[in-house]
Amino acid sequence: MSTVCRDCRTGVYHCHGTIIRHALGRTECTETDCDGPEISVHTFVIDCDAVGCRCADAPNGEAGSPHRVSA
């Protein structure tokens, strides 16, 4: 058993960070040295409200997120 990342061992292009998706489609990665926020090279993707970002709030003060379907 190894403590080294499987993708690192095999040389697969990847990032250890998490993609954060913002309301208007903008994405960012939690790793400072990430080459770009492509979803395909990241294992984890979360909506920005999971980390306290309020950019998805509606102008009238009602919270909403374009990433989720609401009733």
C-alpha atoms as a PDB file:
ATOM      1  CA  MET A   1       0.000   0.000   0.000  1.00  0.00           C
ATOM      2  CA  SER A   2       1.254   3.474  -0.852  1.00  0.00           C
ATOM      3  CA  THR A   3       0.460   6.917   0.512  1.00  0.00           C
ATOM      4  CA  VAL A   4       1.178   8.496  -2.878  1.00  0.00           C
ATOM      5  CA  CYS A   5      -1.784   9.562  -5.012  1.00  0.00           C
ATOM      6  CA  ARG A   6      -2.657   6.963  -7.668  1.00  0.00           C
ATOM      7  CA  ASP A   7      -2.824   9.612 -10.414  1.00  0.00           C
ATOM      8  CA  CYS A   8       0.552  11.019  -9.332  1.00  0.00           C
ATOM      9  CA  ARG A   9       2.095   7.530  -9.493  1.00  0.00           C
ATOM     10  CA  THR A  10       0.794   6.908 -13.013  1.00  0.00           C
ATOM     11  CA  GLY A  11       1.495  10.411 -14.338  1.00  0.00           C
ATOM     12  CA  VAL A  12      -2.149  11.301 -15.052  1.00  0.00           C
ATOM     13  CA  TYR A  13      -2.811  15.054 -15.341  1.00  0.00           C
ATOM     14  CA  HIS A  14      -4.953  16.022 -12.342  1.00  0.00           C
ATOM     15  CA  CYS A  15      -5.348  18.456  -9.454  1.00  0.00           C
ATOM     16  CA  HIS A  16      -5.748  17.702  -5.753  1.00  0.00           C
ATOM     17  CA  GLY A  17      -7.913  20.776  -5.204  1.00  0.00           C
ATOM     18  CA  THR A  18     -11.676  21.187  -5.161  1.00  0.00           C
ATOM     19  CA  ILE A  19     -13.586  23.142  -7.808  1.00  0.00           C
ATOM     20  CA  ILE A  20     -15.941  25.788  -6.422  1.00  0.00           C
ATOM     21  CA  ARG A  21     -18.770  26.665  -8.849  1.00  0.00           C
ATOM     22  CA  HIS A  22     -20.172  30.183  -8.572  1.00  0.00           C
ATOM     23  CA  ALA A  23     -23.639  31.402  -9.592  1.00  0.00           C
ATOM     24  CA  LEU A  24     -22.735  32.861 -12.978  1.00  0.00           C
ATOM     25  CA  GLY A  25     -20.740  29.846 -14.100  1.00  0.00           C
ATOM     26  CA  ARG A  26     -17.379  31.110 -12.859  1.00  0.00           C
ATOM     27  CA  THR A  27     -15.255  28.388 -11.293  1.00  0.00           C
ATOM     28  CA  GLU A  28     -12.199  28.462  -9.085  1.00  0.00           C
ATOM     29  CA  CYS A  29      -9.927  25.855  -7.540  1.00  0.00           C
ATOM     30  CA  THR A  30      -8.845  25.648  -3.910  1.00  0.00           C
ATOM     31  CA  GLU A  31      -5.251  24.863  -4.934  1.00  0.00           C
ATOM     32  CA  THR A  32      -3.162  27.993  -5.536  1.00  0.00           C
ATOM     33  CA  ASP A  33      -0.926  26.287  -8.112  1.00  0.00           C
ATOM     34  CA  CYS A  34      -3.789  24.825 -10.184  1.00  0.00           C
ATOM     35  CA  ASP A  35      -3.332  25.323 -13.944  1.00  0.00           C
ATOM     36  CA  GLY A  36      -7.027  25.950 -14.544  1.00  0.00           C
ATOM     37  CA  PRO A  37     -10.438  25.116 -13.162  1.00  0.00           C
ATOM     38  CA  GLU A  38     -11.377  22.362 -15.629  1.00  0.00           C
ATOM     39  CA  ILE A  39     -13.833  20.047 -13.930  1.00  0.00           C
ATOM     40  CA  SER A  40     -12.445  16.943 -15.654  1.00  0.00           C
ATOM     41  CA  VAL A  41      -9.111  17.060 -13.777  1.00  0.00           C
ATOM     42  CA  HIS A  42     -10.687  17.525 -10.339  1.00  0.00           C
ATOM     43  CA  THR A  43     -12.237  14.837  -8.161  1.00  0.00           C
ATOM     44  CA  PHE A  44     -14.378  17.154  -6.059  1.00  0.00           C
ATOM     45  CA  VAL A  45     -16.789  19.890  -7.215  1.00  0.00           C
ATOM     46  CA  ILE A  46     -18.960  21.943  -4.841  1.00  0.00           C
ATOM     47  CA  ASP A  47     -21.350  24.891  -5.116  1.00  0.00           C
ATOM     48  CA  CYS A  48     -20.034  28.145  -3.677  1.00  0.00           C
ATOM     49  CA  ASP A  49     -22.740  28.370  -1.023  1.00  0.00           C
ATOM     50  CA  ALA A  50     -21.149  25.315   0.645  1.00  0.00           C
ATOM     51  CA  VAL A  51     -18.222  27.554   1.614  1.00  0.00           C
ATOM     52  CA  GLY A  52     -20.308  30.576   2.604  1.00  0.00           C
ATOM     53  CA  CYS A  53     -20.241  32.512  -0.669  1.00  0.00           C
ATOM     54  CA  ARG A  54     -23.366  34.643  -1.134  1.00  0.00           C
ATOM     55  CA  CYS A  55     -23.029  35.385  -4.878  1.00  0.00           C
ATOM     56  CA  ALA A  56     -26.088  33.211  -5.645  1.00  0.00           C
ATOM     57  CA  ASP A  57     -28.396  35.319  -3.469  1.00  0.00           C
ATOM     58  CA  ALA A  58     -31.276  36.883  -5.357  1.00  0.00           C
ATOM     59  CA  PRO A  59     -31.347  40.720  -5.455  1.00  0.00           C
ATOM     60  CA  ASN A  60     -34.521  40.820  -3.344  1.00  0.00           C
ATOM     61  CA  GLY A  61     -32.712  39.084  -0.476  1.00  0.00           C
ATOM     62  CA  GLU A  62     -34.187  35.668  -1.138  1.00  0.00           C
ATOM     63  CA  ALA A  63     -31.454  33.030  -1.292  1.00  0.00           C
ATOM     64  CA  GLY A  64     -31.273  30.944  -4.443  1.00  0.00           C
ATOM     65  CA  SER A  65     -28.787  28.876  -6.397  1.00  0.00           C
ATOM     66  CA  PRO A  66     -28.722  28.182 -10.141  1.00  0.00           C
ATOM     67  CA  HIS A  67     -27.025  24.862  -9.364  1.00  0.00           C
ATOM     68  CA  ARG A  68     -30.017  23.336  -7.631  1.00  0.00           C
ATOM     69  CA  VAL A  69     -33.637  22.757  -8.536  1.00  0.00           C
ATOM     70  CA  SER A  70     -35.981  24.286  -5.998  1.00  0.00           C
ATOM     71  CA  ALA A  71     -39.657  23.648  -5.351  1.00  0.00           C
END
